[in-house]
Amino acid sequence: MSTTIDFATLTVGDVVAEREFALTRDSLVRYAGASGDFNPIHYRDDIAASVGLPGVLAHGMLTMGFAVQPVVDWVGDPAAVVDYQVRFTRPVVVDPEVGVSVTVVAKVGQLDAEASVARIDLTVSVDGSTVLGKAQARVSFAPAQHV
């Protein structure tokens, strides 16, 4: 692991990363192409409205993916993130003109000294409203085991 973070210095409640992500309709098109998810609720206002949505929505997996990125950047090694879970609680509506800004705050939620694992709780929100609930990443600071 290439991190220089000392597990022993972490305290529950520490904010370890904060980031704001700007999403535009162009972001959604690029993600659709990369993921193969061309569901029209992610790019057509008329289809989104016809199924009762408030507008075109960001892909859930896109939102989930960038929400963990500040943790990956903080720890310095994507392999150190040994578990990541979220609950989708509110859609991320992407305005056709201005897009949307998604805020991520990563905070130490729990420390397991025996296993050298930190649970990082993520607050992921748009305009102060949480869009991912129970968003948690488990980060291992234990030395890598080679078999």
Protein backbone atom coordinates (compact mmCIF):
# COMPACT_ATOMS: atom_id res chain seq x y z
CA MET A 1 0.00 0.00 0.00
CA SER A 2 1.39 3.41 -0.94
CA THR A 3 -0.29 5.42 1.78
CA THR A 4 1.55 7.54 4.31
CA ILE A 5 -1.43 7.73 6.66
CA ASP A 6 -0.74 6.45 10.16
CA PHE A 7 -3.76 4.47 11.33
CA ALA A 8 -2.87 5.22 14.96
CA THR A 9 -3.43 8.95 14.38
CA LEU A 10 -7.01 8.55 13.14
CA THR A 11 -9.89 9.51 15.41
CA VAL A 12 -13.59 8.84 15.00
CA GLY A 13 -15.12 12.03 13.63
CA ASP A 14 -12.07 13.13 11.64
CA VAL A 15 -12.96 14.54 8.22
CA VAL A 16 -10.47 12.87 5.90
CA ALA A 17 -11.67 14.17 2.55
CA GLU A 18 -14.12 16.61 0.99
CA ARG A 19 -14.89 17.09 -2.66
CA GLU A 20 -17.46 18.68 -4.91
CA PHE A 21 -18.30 17.06 -8.24
CA ALA A 22 -19.95 18.93 -11.10
CA LEU A 23 -22.16 16.78 -13.31
CA THR A 24 -23.56 17.92 -16.63
CA ARG A 25 -25.68 16.24 -19.25
CA ASP A 26 -22.40 15.71 -21.15
CA SER A 27 -21.11 13.74 -18.13
CA LEU A 28 -24.15 11.48 -18.39
CA VAL A 29 -23.61 10.87 -22.10
CA ARG A 30 -19.97 9.97 -21.52
CA TYR A 31 -20.89 7.63 -18.69
CA ALA A 32 -23.63 5.99 -20.77
CA GLY A 33 -21.08 5.30 -23.50
CA ALA A 34 -18.54 3.88 -21.07
CA SER A 35 -21.03 1.77 -19.10
CA GLY A 36 -23.43 0.76 -21.84
CA ASP A 37 -26.37 2.07 -19.76
CA PHE A 38 -28.43 3.96 -22.33
CA ASN A 39 -31.66 4.08 -20.34
CA PRO A 40 -33.37 7.23 -21.69
CA ILE A 41 -34.16 8.54 -18.17
CA HIS A 42 -30.49 9.53 -18.15
CA TYR A 43 -30.69 11.78 -21.21
CA ARG A 44 -34.30 12.51 -22.27
CA ASP A 45 -36.47 14.89 -20.28
CA ASP A 46 -39.68 13.67 -21.94
CA ILE A 47 -39.03 10.04 -21.00
CA ALA A 48 -38.03 10.98 -17.44
CA ALA A 49 -41.23 12.99 -17.06
CA SER A 50 -43.37 10.21 -18.59
CA VAL A 51 -42.31 7.82 -15.81
CA GLY A 52 -42.88 10.40 -13.08
CA LEU A 53 -39.32 11.56 -12.51
CA PRO A 54 -38.50 15.20 -11.73
CA GLY A 55 -36.01 15.33 -14.62
CA VAL A 56 -33.08 13.52 -16.18
CA LEU A 57 -31.22 11.53 -13.52
CA ALA A 58 -27.55 10.75 -13.07
CA HIS A 59 -26.78 7.05 -13.23
CA GLY A 60 -26.71 5.53 -9.76
CA MET A 61 -23.45 3.73 -10.42
CA LEU A 62 -21.87 6.98 -11.64
CA THR A 63 -22.88 8.70 -8.41
CA MET A 64 -21.69 5.77 -6.33
CA GLY A 65 -18.39 5.66 -8.21
CA PHE A 66 -17.38 9.26 -7.81
CA ALA A 67 -18.57 9.36 -4.19
CA VAL A 68 -15.83 6.92 -3.12
CA GLN A 69 -13.10 8.66 -5.13
CA PRO A 70 -12.12 11.11 -2.36
CA VAL A 71 -11.49 8.12 -0.06
CA VAL A 72 -9.36 6.40 -2.71
CA ASP A 73 -7.38 9.61 -3.21
CA TRP A 74 -6.95 10.10 0.56
CA VAL A 75 -5.68 6.59 1.23
CA GLY A 76 -3.55 6.53 -1.93
CA ASP A 77 -4.31 2.94 -2.92
CA PRO A 78 -7.62 1.73 -4.40
CA ALA A 79 -6.90 -1.80 -3.13
CA ALA A 80 -7.03 -0.48 0.45
CA VAL A 81 -10.78 0.06 0.05
CA VAL A 82 -11.89 -3.44 0.97
CA ASP A 83 -15.64 -2.82 1.12
CA TYR A 84 -17.98 -0.10 -0.13
CA GLN A 85 -21.73 0.08 0.22
CA VAL A 86 -24.43 2.68 -0.29
CA ARG A 87 -28.19 2.94 -0.26
CA PHE A 88 -29.72 5.10 -2.98
CA THR A 89 -32.04 7.49 -1.15
CA ARG A 90 -32.75 10.31 -3.59
CA PRO A 91 -32.19 10.73 -7.33
CA VAL A 92 -29.57 13.16 -8.62
CA VAL A 93 -31.44 15.37 -11.10
CA VAL A 94 -29.13 16.95 -13.69
CA ASP A 95 -30.39 20.30 -14.97
CA PRO A 96 -29.95 20.69 -18.75
CA GLU A 97 -28.43 24.17 -18.42
CA VAL A 98 -26.41 24.28 -15.20
CA GLY A 99 -25.98 20.60 -14.36
CA VAL A 100 -25.70 19.73 -10.69
CA SER A 101 -23.07 19.86 -7.98
CA VAL A 102 -22.70 16.84 -5.71
CA THR A 103 -20.84 17.27 -2.42
CA VAL A 104 -18.98 14.43 -0.72
CA VAL A 105 -17.66 14.58 2.85
CA ALA A 106 -15.71 11.56 4.13
CA LYS A 107 -15.44 11.15 7.89
CA VAL A 108 -13.99 8.41 10.11
CA GLY A 109 -17.00 6.57 11.51
CA GLN A 110 -15.38 3.65 13.28
CA LEU A 111 -11.91 2.26 13.94
CA ASP A 112 -11.04 -1.41 14.37
CA ALA A 113 -7.56 -1.32 15.92
CA GLU A 114 -7.20 -5.11 15.94
CA ALA A 115 -7.76 -5.38 12.18
CA SER A 116 -6.29 -1.92 11.31
CA VAL A 117 -9.49 -1.06 9.45
CA ALA A 118 -11.27 2.28 9.38
CA ARG A 119 -14.91 2.67 8.44
CA ILE A 120 -15.27 5.89 6.48
CA ASP A 121 -18.77 7.34 6.44
CA LEU A 122 -19.63 9.36 3.36
CA THR A 123 -22.16 12.16 3.31
CA VAL A 124 -23.18 12.60 -0.33
CA SER A 125 -25.55 15.47 -0.99
CA VAL A 126 -27.05 17.87 -3.50
CA ASP A 127 -28.14 21.27 -2.22
CA GLY A 128 -27.99 19.97 1.35
CA SER A 129 -30.16 16.90 0.67
CA THR A 130 -28.57 13.48 1.09
CA VAL A 131 -28.62 11.39 -2.09
CA LEU A 132 -26.75 8.30 -0.85
CA GLY A 133 -27.65 6.90 2.54
CA LYS A 134 -25.50 4.59 4.66
CA ALA A 135 -22.60 5.27 2.30
CA GLN A 136 -19.64 3.58 3.94
CA ALA A 137 -16.21 2.45 2.80
CA ARG A 138 -13.98 0.17 4.82
CA VAL A 139 -10.29 0.99 4.43
CA SER A 140 -7.60 -1.48 5.48
CA PHE A 141 -4.32 -0.24 6.84
CA ALA A 142 -3.05 -3.76 7.48
CA PRO A 143 0.06 -4.81 5.57
CA ALA A 144 -0.74 -6.63 2.33
CA GLN A 145 -0.74 -10.41 2.66
CA HIS A 146 0.96 -12.23 -0.22
CA VAL A 147 0.05 -15.84 -0.84
